[in-house]
Amino acid sequence: MKEKIKIILSFLIFLFLFPYIVTVFMQGTSVSGEDAGEQATETTAQAADGETEAEREKMISILAKEININSEEEAIKAQAVIVRQNYAYAVEKGEEPEEGLSVQEMMSLFGEKNFSASYQILADCMDATKNVSVTYGDDVVLLPYHAVSAGKTRAANEANQNTAFPYLVSVDSSFDIPSGNYLKVTYFEKTEFLAQLEQIFQGVTFSEEDIPAQITIDGRDDASYVTSVTAGGVTISGEDFRERLGLNSSCFSIAEADGKIRVVTKGLGHGFGLSQWGANELAKEGKSYLQILKYYFPNIEITE
């Protein structure tokens, strides 16, 4: 009888301690993939008012895609405001917000060992800026950004976009000049370049003789970006031309050198709004994320 009582008591003790044993065991195992994403978000603050947790996590994933995790914290915060602002803008316009990175893509980008810490940095920056709103007049605005400017950012009215984005003005961004992406020289073989031109300017016939002379740069804006290009009576925008040729920016010049076509570009990206390189340099100088945003978007209204 005593032996039966001992067995029953031992069984009851085991049942009582089983959840604790399982918990201790599980805490000793490593996590990865989706589990790592869930673990990272558990330690962060709740979503902003009126913002679901799913939306918050979506915006963190977009932020991970848009900015280098090694950037200064204030630069990341400035980008976080842009992410939330552009997300709200897309929703208001009935458009699909930008896609972010999946947990697996973030783990690949940050490295498995650094994933949790990197995710936490992004989450903290999103949470720290959750009460910031940006407007122009009574309108919710889109805040464009690019990697590196050509030394100045672009004004929308010089690119025939003044109706939609009148708040985008040109500001000095000479902090971008030391960037490794500030200047790029690309060489094209003549046959390759001509084939590209014939695809860009449909129906236009080109000659191998003095190719640059057959392309007319119609004008440049105040930041030196090409506004439009014409060949054989066909005109396209500078941005379209640079995208079709795969150039770093539409601040470019074309010349013939050593039997090839040489294209020199300045900057990386479209040149409108915030320069990420410049924002990071301003953060290094001690500027806050609000000061950075006001520098690149001087006409917007920011409320906290």
C-alpha atoms as a PDB file:
ATOM      1  CA  MET A   1       0.000   0.000   0.000  1.00  0.00           C
ATOM      2  CA  LYS A   2       2.825   2.390   0.887  1.00  0.00           C
ATOM      3  CA  GLU A   3       4.503   1.711  -2.439  1.00  0.00           C
ATOM      4  CA  LYS A   4       1.289   2.607  -4.312  1.00  0.00           C
ATOM      5  CA  ILE A   5       1.003   5.898  -2.374  1.00  0.00           C
ATOM      6  CA  LYS A   6       4.615   6.771  -3.254  1.00  0.00           C
ATOM      7  CA  ILE A   7       3.981   6.090  -6.917  1.00  0.00           C
ATOM      8  CA  ILE A   8       0.830   8.244  -6.925  1.00  0.00           C
ATOM      9  CA  LEU A   9       2.617  11.138  -5.148  1.00  0.00           C
ATOM     10  CA  SER A  10       5.572  10.942  -7.546  1.00  0.00           C
ATOM     11  CA  PHE A  11       3.197  11.065 -10.504  1.00  0.00           C
ATOM     12  CA  LEU A  12       1.365  14.116  -9.111  1.00  0.00           C
ATOM     13  CA  ILE A  13       4.665  15.954  -8.494  1.00  0.00           C
ATOM     14  CA  PHE A  14       5.743  15.197 -12.041  1.00  0.00           C
ATOM     15  CA  LEU A  15       2.502  16.598 -13.429  1.00  0.00           C
ATOM     16  CA  PHE A  16       2.936  19.763 -11.372  1.00  0.00           C
ATOM     17  CA  LEU A  17       6.551  20.307 -12.446  1.00  0.00           C
ATOM     18  CA  PHE A  18       6.155  19.259 -16.085  1.00  0.00           C
ATOM     19  CA  PRO A  19       5.247  22.732 -17.470  1.00  0.00           C
ATOM     20  CA  TYR A  20       8.248  24.258 -15.671  1.00  0.00           C
ATOM     21  CA  ILE A  21      10.616  21.584 -17.015  1.00  0.00           C
ATOM     22  CA  VAL A  22       9.352  22.113 -20.557  1.00  0.00           C
ATOM     23  CA  THR A  23       9.741  25.900 -20.251  1.00  0.00           C
ATOM     24  CA  VAL A  24      13.318  25.638 -18.996  1.00  0.00           C
ATOM     25  CA  PHE A  25      14.157  23.192 -21.757  1.00  0.00           C
ATOM     26  CA  MET A  26      12.667  25.382 -24.473  1.00  0.00           C
ATOM     27  CA  GLN A  27      14.460  28.498 -23.250  1.00  0.00           C
ATOM     28  CA  GLY A  28      17.740  26.680 -23.692  1.00  0.00           C
ATOM     29  CA  THR A  29      17.171  26.062 -27.402  1.00  0.00           C
ATOM     30  CA  SER A  30      18.091  28.465 -30.214  1.00  0.00           C
ATOM     31  CA  VAL A  31      15.521  30.243 -32.415  1.00  0.00           C
ATOM     32  CA  SER A  32      15.609  31.165 -36.088  1.00  0.00           C
ATOM     33  CA  GLY A  33      13.371  32.082 -39.006  1.00  0.00           C
ATOM     34  CA  GLU A  34       9.813  33.039 -38.142  1.00  0.00           C
ATOM     35  CA  ASP A  35      10.406  32.219 -34.442  1.00  0.00           C
ATOM     36  CA  ALA A  36      13.232  34.777 -34.357  1.00  0.00           C
ATOM     37  CA  GLY A  37      10.926  37.409 -35.830  1.00  0.00           C
ATOM     38  CA  GLU A  38       8.279  36.685 -33.215  1.00  0.00           C
ATOM     39  CA  GLN A  39      10.848  36.779 -30.407  1.00  0.00           C
ATOM     40  CA  ALA A  40      12.219  40.125 -31.594  1.00  0.00           C
ATOM     41  CA  THR A  41       8.824  41.779 -31.706  1.00  0.00           C
ATOM     42  CA  GLU A  42       7.792  40.532 -28.267  1.00  0.00           C
ATOM     43  CA  THR A  43      10.392  42.775 -26.611  1.00  0.00           C
ATOM     44  CA  THR A  44       9.315  45.955 -28.347  1.00  0.00           C
ATOM     45  CA  ALA A  45       6.658  48.509 -27.460  1.00  0.00           C
ATOM     46  CA  GLN A  46       3.050  48.353 -28.553  1.00  0.00           C
ATOM     47  CA  ALA A  47       1.911  49.773 -31.866  1.00  0.00           C
ATOM     48  CA  ALA A  48       1.128  53.465 -32.177  1.00  0.00           C
ATOM     49  CA  ASP A  49      -2.410  54.696 -31.551  1.00  0.00           C
ATOM     50  CA  GLY A  50      -4.653  53.746 -34.454  1.00  0.00           C
ATOM     51  CA  GLU A  51      -1.943  51.451 -35.830  1.00  0.00           C
ATOM     52  CA  THR A  52      -2.305  47.692 -35.672  1.00  0.00           C
ATOM     53  CA  GLU A  53       0.581  45.474 -34.655  1.00  0.00           C
ATOM     54  CA  ALA A  54       0.545  43.963 -38.142  1.00  0.00           C
ATOM     55  CA  GLU A  55       0.910  47.433 -39.699  1.00  0.00           C
ATOM     56  CA  ARG A  56       3.736  48.274 -37.323  1.00  0.00           C
ATOM     57  CA  GLU A  57       5.627  45.107 -38.189  1.00  0.00           C
ATOM     58  CA  LYS A  58       5.026  45.777 -41.873  1.00  0.00           C
ATOM     59  CA  MET A  59       6.572  49.236 -41.521  1.00  0.00           C
ATOM     60  CA  ILE A  60       9.558  47.830 -39.640  1.00  0.00           C
ATOM     61  CA  SER A  61      10.111  45.415 -42.529  1.00  0.00           C
ATOM     62  CA  ILE A  62       9.970  48.337 -44.982  1.00  0.00           C
ATOM     63  CA  LEU A  63      12.453  50.296 -42.879  1.00  0.00           C
ATOM     64  CA  ALA A  64      14.794  47.291 -42.953  1.00  0.00           C
ATOM     65  CA  LYS A  65      14.651  47.380 -46.745  1.00  0.00           C
ATOM     66  CA  GLU A  66      15.136  51.120 -47.087  1.00  0.00           C
ATOM     67  CA  ILE A  67      18.097  51.968 -44.854  1.00  0.00           C
ATOM     68  CA  ASN A  68      21.459  50.569 -43.820  1.00  0.00           C
ATOM     69  CA  ILE A  69      21.272  49.252 -40.261  1.00  0.00           C
ATOM     70  CA  ASN A  70      24.701  50.789 -39.576  1.00  0.00           C
ATOM     71  CA  SER A  71      23.363  54.297 -40.182  1.00  0.00           C
ATOM     72  CA  GLU A  72      23.253  56.826 -37.359  1.00  0.00           C
ATOM     73  CA  GLU A  73      20.219  56.433 -35.088  1.00  0.00           C
ATOM     74  CA  GLU A  74      18.800  59.874 -35.935  1.00  0.00           C
ATOM     75  CA  ALA A  75      19.100  59.102 -39.656  1.00  0.00           C
ATOM     76  CA  ILE A  76      17.201  55.845 -39.104  1.00  0.00           C
ATOM     77  CA  LYS A  77      14.520  57.747 -37.193  1.00  0.00           C
ATOM     78  CA  ALA A  78      14.186  60.230 -40.059  1.00  0.00           C
ATOM     79  CA  GLN A  79      13.713  57.305 -42.445  1.00  0.00           C
ATOM     80  CA  ALA A  80      11.197  55.770 -40.025  1.00  0.00           C
ATOM     81  CA  VAL A  81       9.080  58.927 -40.273  1.00  0.00           C
ATOM     82  CA  ILE A  82       9.292  58.681 -44.065  1.00  0.00           C
ATOM     83  CA  VAL A  83       8.221  55.027 -43.960  1.00  0.00           C
ATOM     84  CA  ARG A  84       5.159  55.719 -41.795  1.00  0.00           C
ATOM     85  CA  GLN A  85       4.297  58.829 -43.809  1.00  0.00           C
ATOM     86  CA  ASN A  86       4.513  57.084 -47.173  1.00  0.00           C
ATOM     87  CA  TYR A  87       2.558  54.123 -45.803  1.00  0.00           C
ATOM     88  CA  ALA A  88      -0.251  56.475 -44.723  1.00  0.00           C
ATOM     89  CA  TYR A  89      -0.090  58.280 -48.070  1.00  0.00           C
ATOM     90  CA  ALA A  90      -0.500  55.017 -50.002  1.00  0.00           C
ATOM     91  CA  VAL A  91      -3.437  53.925 -47.836  1.00  0.00           C
ATOM     92  CA  GLU A  92      -5.147  57.309 -48.279  1.00  0.00           C
ATOM     93  CA  LYS A  93      -4.721  57.095 -52.059  1.00  0.00           C
ATOM     94  CA  GLY A  94      -6.051  53.537 -52.144  1.00  0.00           C
ATOM     95  CA  GLU A  95      -2.677  52.215 -53.255  1.00  0.00           C
ATOM     96  CA  GLU A  96      -0.736  49.210 -52.037  1.00  0.00           C
ATOM     97  CA  PRO A  97       2.043  50.216 -49.594  1.00  0.00           C
ATOM     98  CA  GLU A  98       5.606  49.290 -50.462  1.00  0.00           C
ATOM     99  CA  GLU A  99       6.683  45.708 -49.816  1.00  0.00           C
ATOM    100  CA  GLY A 100       9.163  45.179 -47.008  1.00  0.00           C
ATOM    101  CA  LEU A 101      11.611  42.365 -46.294  1.00  0.00           C
ATOM    102  CA  SER A 102      10.502  38.995 -44.988  1.00  0.00           C
ATOM    103  CA  VAL A 103      11.979  37.651 -41.739  1.00  0.00           C
ATOM    104  CA  GLN A 104      14.198  35.320 -43.733  1.00  0.00           C
ATOM    105  CA  GLU A 105      15.406  38.207 -45.908  1.00  0.00           C
ATOM    106  CA  MET A 106      16.162  40.287 -42.816  1.00  0.00           C
ATOM    107  CA  MET A 107      18.046  37.388 -41.255  1.00  0.00           C
ATOM    108  CA  SER A 108      20.086  37.044 -44.444  1.00  0.00           C
ATOM    109  CA  LEU A 109      20.745  40.800 -44.476  1.00  0.00           C
ATOM    110  CA  PHE A 110      21.642  41.200 -40.795  1.00  0.00           C
ATOM    111  CA  GLY A 111      23.047  37.755 -40.125  1.00  0.00           C
ATOM    112  CA  GLU A 112      21.384  35.284 -37.765  1.00  0.00           C
ATOM    113  CA  LYS A 113      23.488  36.334 -34.775  1.00  0.00           C
ATOM    114  CA  ASN A 114      22.708  40.035 -35.288  1.00  0.00           C
ATOM    115  CA  PHE A 115      19.079  39.634 -36.261  1.00  0.00           C
ATOM    116  CA  SER A 116      17.419  40.308 -32.904  1.00  0.00           C
ATOM    117  CA  ALA A 117      19.609  43.333 -32.091  1.00  0.00           C
ATOM    118  CA  SER A 118      19.199  44.827 -35.579  1.00  0.00           C
ATOM    119  CA  TYR A 119      15.445  44.275 -35.584  1.00  0.00           C
ATOM    120  CA  GLN A 120      15.241  45.910 -32.172  1.00  0.00           C
ATOM    121  CA  ILE A 121      17.046  49.031 -33.445  1.00  0.00           C
ATOM    122  CA  LEU A 122      14.535  49.406 -36.263  1.00  0.00           C
ATOM    123  CA  ALA A 123      11.568  48.726 -33.986  1.00  0.00           C
ATOM    124  CA  ASP A 124      12.800  51.278 -31.439  1.00  0.00           C
ATOM    125  CA  CYS A 125      13.189  53.927 -34.152  1.00  0.00           C
ATOM    126  CA  MET A 126       9.676  53.244 -35.453  1.00  0.00           C
ATOM    127  CA  ASP A 127       8.259  53.455 -31.927  1.00  0.00           C
ATOM    128  CA  ALA A 128      10.213  56.602 -31.039  1.00  0.00           C
ATOM    129  CA  THR A 129       8.667  58.440 -34.001  1.00  0.00           C
ATOM    130  CA  LYS A 130       5.146  57.005 -33.815  1.00  0.00           C
ATOM    131  CA  ASN A 131       3.473  60.305 -32.864  1.00  0.00           C
ATOM    132  CA  VAL A 132       5.076  62.359 -35.645  1.00  0.00           C
ATOM    133  CA  SER A 133       2.885  63.475 -38.536  1.00  0.00           C
ATOM    134  CA  VAL A 134       3.874  65.436 -41.617  1.00  0.00           C
ATOM    135  CA  THR A 135       1.571  67.658 -43.651  1.00  0.00           C
ATOM    136  CA  TYR A 136       1.651  70.389 -46.272  1.00  0.00           C
ATOM    137  CA  GLY A 137      -1.367  72.582 -45.716  1.00  0.00           C
ATOM    138  CA  ASP A 138      -4.134  70.130 -44.891  1.00  0.00           C
ATOM    139  CA  ASP A 139      -2.765  67.357 -47.079  1.00  0.00           C
ATOM    140  CA  VAL A 140      -0.928  64.176 -46.132  1.00  0.00           C
ATOM    141  CA  VAL A 141       2.244  64.229 -48.188  1.00  0.00           C
ATOM    142  CA  LEU A 142       4.561  61.753 -49.863  1.00  0.00           C
ATOM    143  CA  LEU A 143       8.173  62.073 -48.728  1.00  0.00           C
ATOM    144  CA  PRO A 144      10.561  60.905 -51.462  1.00  0.00           C
ATOM    145  CA  TYR A 145      14.149  59.962 -50.689  1.00  0.00           C
ATOM    146  CA  HIS A 146      17.233  58.772 -52.530  1.00  0.00           C
ATOM    147  CA  ALA A 147      20.645  57.335 -51.668  1.00  0.00           C
ATOM    148  CA  VAL A 148      23.010  60.153 -52.720  1.00  0.00           C
ATOM    149  CA  SER A 149      22.348  63.524 -54.364  1.00  0.00           C
ATOM    150  CA  ALA A 150      24.427  65.193 -57.047  1.00  0.00           C
ATOM    151  CA  GLY A 151      25.360  67.891 -54.512  1.00  0.00           C
ATOM    152  CA  LYS A 152      21.904  69.478 -54.410  1.00  0.00           C
ATOM    153  CA  THR A 153      18.448  67.942 -54.151  1.00  0.00           C
ATOM    154  CA  ARG A 154      15.869  68.658 -56.841  1.00  0.00           C
ATOM    155  CA  ALA A 155      12.876  70.992 -56.907  1.00  0.00           C
ATOM    156  CA  ALA A 156       9.662  69.400 -58.159  1.00  0.00           C
ATOM    157  CA  ASN A 157       8.587  72.461 -60.148  1.00  0.00           C
ATOM    158  CA  GLU A 158      11.689  72.159 -62.346  1.00  0.00           C
ATOM    159  CA  ALA A 159      10.737  68.603 -63.234  1.00  0.00           C
ATOM    160  CA  ASN A 160       7.133  69.464 -64.159  1.00  0.00           C
ATOM    161  CA  GLN A 161       5.843  67.907 -60.918  1.00  0.00           C
ATOM    162  CA  ASN A 162       4.863  71.138 -59.159  1.00  0.00           C
ATOM    163  CA  THR A 163       1.147  70.281 -59.111  1.00  0.00           C
ATOM    164  CA  ALA A 164       1.582  67.108 -57.071  1.00  0.00           C
ATOM    165  CA  PHE A 165       4.609  68.008 -54.964  1.00  0.00           C
ATOM    166  CA  PRO A 166       4.932  71.796 -54.526  1.00  0.00           C
ATOM    167  CA  TYR A 167       6.658  71.310 -51.147  1.00  0.00           C
ATOM    168  CA  LEU A 168       9.714  69.674 -52.757  1.00  0.00           C
ATOM    169  CA  VAL A 169      12.381  72.366 -53.131  1.00  0.00           C
ATOM    170  CA  SER A 170      16.087  72.205 -53.884  1.00  0.00           C
ATOM    171  CA  VAL A 171      18.499  72.305 -50.933  1.00  0.00           C
ATOM    172  CA  ASP A 172      22.256  72.058 -50.701  1.00  0.00           C
ATOM    173  CA  SER A 173      23.500  68.536 -50.024  1.00  0.00           C
ATOM    174  CA  SER A 174      27.205  68.913 -50.626  1.00  0.00           C
ATOM    175  CA  PHE A 175      27.766  66.487 -47.724  1.00  0.00           C
ATOM    176  CA  ASP A 176      27.161  63.815 -50.400  1.00  0.00           C
ATOM    177  CA  ILE A 177      30.331  64.551 -52.363  1.00  0.00           C
ATOM    178  CA  PRO A 178      32.608  62.212 -50.324  1.00  0.00           C
ATOM    179  CA  SER A 179      30.245  59.265 -50.928  1.00  0.00           C
ATOM    180  CA  GLY A 180      31.601  56.415 -52.998  1.00  0.00           C
ATOM    181  CA  ASN A 181      28.380  56.595 -55.028  1.00  0.00           C
ATOM    182  CA  TYR A 182      28.658  60.298 -55.761  1.00  0.00           C
ATOM    183  CA  LEU A 183      30.527  59.849 -59.055  1.00  0.00           C
ATOM    184  CA  LYS A 184      30.416  56.955 -61.491  1.00  0.00           C
ATOM    185  CA  VAL A 185      31.935  56.538 -64.948  1.00  0.00           C
ATOM    186  CA  THR A 186      30.402  53.917 -67.244  1.00  0.00           C
ATOM    187  CA  TYR A 187      31.764  52.877 -70.640  1.00  0.00           C
ATOM    188  CA  PHE A 188      29.572  51.384 -73.370  1.00  0.00           C
ATOM    189  CA  GLU A 189      30.722  49.729 -76.575  1.00  0.00           C
ATOM    190  CA  LYS A 190      29.342  51.714 -79.511  1.00  0.00           C
ATOM    191  CA  THR A 191      27.278  48.814 -80.858  1.00  0.00           C
ATOM    192  CA  GLU A 192      25.832  48.174 -77.401  1.00  0.00           C
ATOM    193  CA  PHE A 193      24.992  51.843 -76.863  1.00  0.00           C
ATOM    194  CA  LEU A 194      23.357  52.158 -80.292  1.00  0.00           C
ATOM    195  CA  ALA A 195      21.229  49.088 -79.635  1.00  0.00           C
ATOM    196  CA  GLN A 196      20.096  50.669 -76.369  1.00  0.00           C
ATOM    197  CA  LEU A 197      19.267  53.976 -78.096  1.00  0.00           C
ATOM    198  CA  GLU A 198      17.188  52.222 -80.751  1.00  0.00           C
ATOM    199  CA  GLN A 199      15.158  50.568 -77.996  1.00  0.00           C
ATOM    200  CA  ILE A 200      14.709  53.837 -76.120  1.00  0.00           C
ATOM    201  CA  PHE A 201      13.904  56.009 -79.155  1.00  0.00           C
ATOM    202  CA  GLN A 202      11.626  53.754 -81.162  1.00  0.00           C
ATOM    203  CA  GLY A 203      11.739  54.331 -84.922  1.00  0.00           C
ATOM    204  CA  VAL A 204      14.835  56.556 -84.834  1.00  0.00           C
ATOM    205  CA  THR A 205      17.856  55.559 -86.943  1.00  0.00           C
ATOM    206  CA  PHE A 206      21.308  56.246 -85.512  1.00  0.00           C
ATOM    207  CA  SER A 207      24.759  56.320 -87.075  1.00  0.00           C
ATOM    208  CA  GLU A 208      28.003  55.107 -85.496  1.00  0.00           C
ATOM    209  CA  GLU A 209      29.596  58.421 -86.358  1.00  0.00           C
ATOM    210  CA  ASP A 210      29.632  60.934 -83.502  1.00  0.00           C
ATOM    211  CA  ILE A 211      26.905  59.262 -81.459  1.00  0.00           C
ATOM    212  CA  PRO A 212      26.768  61.898 -78.678  1.00  0.00           C
ATOM    213  CA  ALA A 213      25.925  64.577 -81.248  1.00  0.00           C
ATOM    214  CA  GLN A 214      22.777  62.649 -82.193  1.00  0.00           C
ATOM    215  CA  ILE A 215      21.409  62.971 -78.670  1.00  0.00           C
ATOM    216  CA  THR A 216      20.267  66.355 -77.427  1.00  0.00           C
ATOM    217  CA  ILE A 217      20.050  67.141 -73.721  1.00  0.00           C
ATOM    218  CA  ASP A 218      17.212  69.664 -73.783  1.00  0.00           C
ATOM    219  CA  GLY A 219      17.814  71.112 -70.359  1.00  0.00           C
ATOM    220  CA  ARG A 220      18.892  70.622 -66.772  1.00  0.00           C
ATOM    221  CA  ASP A 221      17.303  71.690 -63.527  1.00  0.00           C
ATOM    222  CA  ASP A 222      19.046  73.809 -60.904  1.00  0.00           C
ATOM    223  CA  ALA A 223      20.618  70.686 -59.386  1.00  0.00           C
ATOM    224  CA  SER A 224      22.090  69.714 -62.808  1.00  0.00           C
ATOM    225  CA  TYR A 225      19.791  66.733 -63.395  1.00  0.00           C
ATOM    226  CA  VAL A 226      18.747  66.273 -67.030  1.00  0.00           C
ATOM    227  CA  THR A 227      15.070  67.119 -67.482  1.00  0.00           C
ATOM    228  CA  SER A 228      14.587  65.703 -71.000  1.00  0.00           C
ATOM    229  CA  VAL A 229      16.484  64.117 -73.880  1.00  0.00           C
ATOM    230  CA  THR A 230      15.653  64.253 -77.587  1.00  0.00           C
ATOM    231  CA  ALA A 231      16.846  62.110 -80.507  1.00  0.00           C
ATOM    232  CA  GLY A 232      15.379  62.043 -84.004  1.00  0.00           C
ATOM    233  CA  GLY A 233      12.418  64.157 -82.953  1.00  0.00           C
ATOM    234  CA  VAL A 234      11.499  61.805 -80.073  1.00  0.00           C
ATOM    235  CA  THR A 235      11.669  63.285 -76.565  1.00  0.00           C
ATOM    236  CA  ILE A 236      11.727  61.423 -73.246  1.00  0.00           C
ATOM    237  CA  SER A 237      12.345  62.532 -69.671  1.00  0.00           C
ATOM    238  CA  GLY A 238      15.802  62.438 -68.169  1.00  0.00           C
ATOM    239  CA  GLU A 239      14.579  59.972 -65.533  1.00  0.00           C
ATOM    240  CA  ASP A 240      13.196  57.631 -68.185  1.00  0.00           C
ATOM    241  CA  PHE A 241      16.467  57.825 -70.127  1.00  0.00           C
ATOM    242  CA  ARG A 242      18.585  56.996 -67.072  1.00  0.00           C
ATOM    243  CA  GLU A 243      16.336  54.098 -66.044  1.00  0.00           C
ATOM    244  CA  ARG A 244      16.373  52.607 -69.535  1.00  0.00           C
ATOM    245  CA  LEU A 245      20.183  52.805 -69.649  1.00  0.00           C
ATOM    246  CA  GLY A 246      20.579  51.637 -66.056  1.00  0.00           C
ATOM    247  CA  LEU A 247      22.410  54.785 -64.967  1.00  0.00           C
ATOM    248  CA  ASN A 248      22.873  55.804 -61.331  1.00  0.00           C
ATOM    249  CA  SER A 249      21.079  59.113 -61.828  1.00  0.00           C
ATOM    250  CA  SER A 250      19.773  61.534 -64.433  1.00  0.00           C
ATOM    251  CA  CYS A 251      22.594  63.944 -63.603  1.00  0.00           C
ATOM    252  CA  PHE A 252      24.727  62.676 -66.467  1.00  0.00           C
ATOM    253  CA  SER A 253      26.926  63.695 -69.378  1.00  0.00           C
ATOM    254  CA  ILE A 254      27.718  61.683 -72.524  1.00  0.00           C
ATOM    255  CA  ALA A 255      30.921  61.794 -74.574  1.00  0.00           C
ATOM    256  CA  GLU A 256      33.015  59.601 -76.841  1.00  0.00           C
ATOM    257  CA  ALA A 257      36.356  58.474 -75.418  1.00  0.00           C
ATOM    258  CA  ASP A 258      38.847  55.838 -76.578  1.00  0.00           C
ATOM    259  CA  GLY A 259      36.442  54.507 -79.157  1.00  0.00           C
ATOM    260  CA  LYS A 260      33.680  53.982 -76.607  1.00  0.00           C
ATOM    261  CA  ILE A 261      30.765  55.953 -75.216  1.00  0.00           C
ATOM    262  CA  ARG A 262      31.528  57.349 -71.783  1.00  0.00           C
ATOM    263  CA  VAL A 263      28.662  58.287 -69.457  1.00  0.00           C
ATOM    264  CA  VAL A 264      29.487  60.147 -66.244  1.00  0.00           C
ATOM    265  CA  THR A 265      26.820  60.306 -63.547  1.00  0.00           C
ATOM    266  CA  LYS A 266      26.635  62.155 -60.248  1.00  0.00           C
ATOM    267  CA  GLY A 267      24.532  60.890 -57.359  1.00  0.00           C
ATOM    268  CA  LEU A 268      22.515  57.715 -56.890  1.00  0.00           C
ATOM    269  CA  GLY A 269      18.749  57.871 -57.284  1.00  0.00           C
ATOM    270  CA  HIS A 270      16.193  60.394 -58.533  1.00  0.00           C
ATOM    271  CA  GLY A 271      17.484  63.288 -56.389  1.00  0.00           C
ATOM    272  CA  PHE A 272      14.146  64.374 -54.867  1.00  0.00           C
ATOM    273  CA  GLY A 273      13.580  64.845 -51.150  1.00  0.00           C
ATOM    274  CA  LEU A 274      15.890  63.425 -48.519  1.00  0.00           C
ATOM    275  CA  SER A 275      19.391  62.250 -49.344  1.00  0.00           C
ATOM    276  CA  GLN A 276      20.153  59.278 -47.105  1.00  0.00           C
ATOM    277  CA  TRP A 277      23.886  59.884 -47.224  1.00  0.00           C
ATOM    278  CA  GLY A 278      23.389  63.554 -46.391  1.00  0.00           C
ATOM    279  CA  ALA A 279      20.948  62.698 -43.593  1.00  0.00           C
ATOM    280  CA  ASN A 280      23.532  60.388 -42.058  1.00  0.00           C
ATOM    281  CA  GLU A 281      26.189  63.102 -42.246  1.00  0.00           C
ATOM    282  CA  LEU A 282      23.848  65.573 -40.544  1.00  0.00           C
ATOM    283  CA  ALA A 283      23.175  63.003 -37.822  1.00  0.00           C
ATOM    284  CA  LYS A 284      26.923  62.664 -37.276  1.00  0.00           C
ATOM    285  CA  GLU A 285      27.016  66.423 -36.724  1.00  0.00           C
ATOM    286  CA  GLY A 286      24.481  66.037 -33.916  1.00  0.00           C
ATOM    287  CA  LYS A 287      21.304  66.978 -35.785  1.00  0.00           C
ATOM    288  CA  SER A 288      18.078  65.342 -34.582  1.00  0.00           C
ATOM    289  CA  TYR A 289      15.806  63.440 -36.932  1.00  0.00           C
ATOM    290  CA  LEU A 290      13.321  66.342 -36.859  1.00  0.00           C
ATOM    291  CA  GLN A 291      16.073  68.790 -37.843  1.00  0.00           C
ATOM    292  CA  ILE A 292      17.143  66.457 -40.639  1.00  0.00           C
ATOM    293  CA  LEU A 293      13.601  66.246 -42.001  1.00  0.00           C
ATOM    294  CA  LYS A 294      13.116  70.018 -41.791  1.00  0.00           C
ATOM    295  CA  TYR A 295      16.411  70.529 -43.617  1.00  0.00           C
ATOM    296  CA  TYR A 296      15.449  68.390 -46.591  1.00  0.00           C
ATOM    297  CA  PHE A 297      11.755  69.297 -46.534  1.00  0.00           C
ATOM    298  CA  PRO A 298      11.758  72.949 -45.363  1.00  0.00           C
ATOM    299  CA  ASN A 299       8.156  73.629 -46.405  1.00  0.00           C
ATOM    300  CA  ILE A 300       6.441  70.782 -44.574  1.00  0.00           C
ATOM    301  CA  GLU A 301       4.741  70.984 -41.190  1.00  0.00           C
ATOM    302  CA  ILE A 302       5.827  68.472 -38.570  1.00  0.00           C
ATOM    303  CA  THR A 303       3.764  67.814 -35.450  1.00  0.00           C
ATOM    304  CA  GLU A 304       4.573  65.462 -32.575  1.00  0.00           C
END
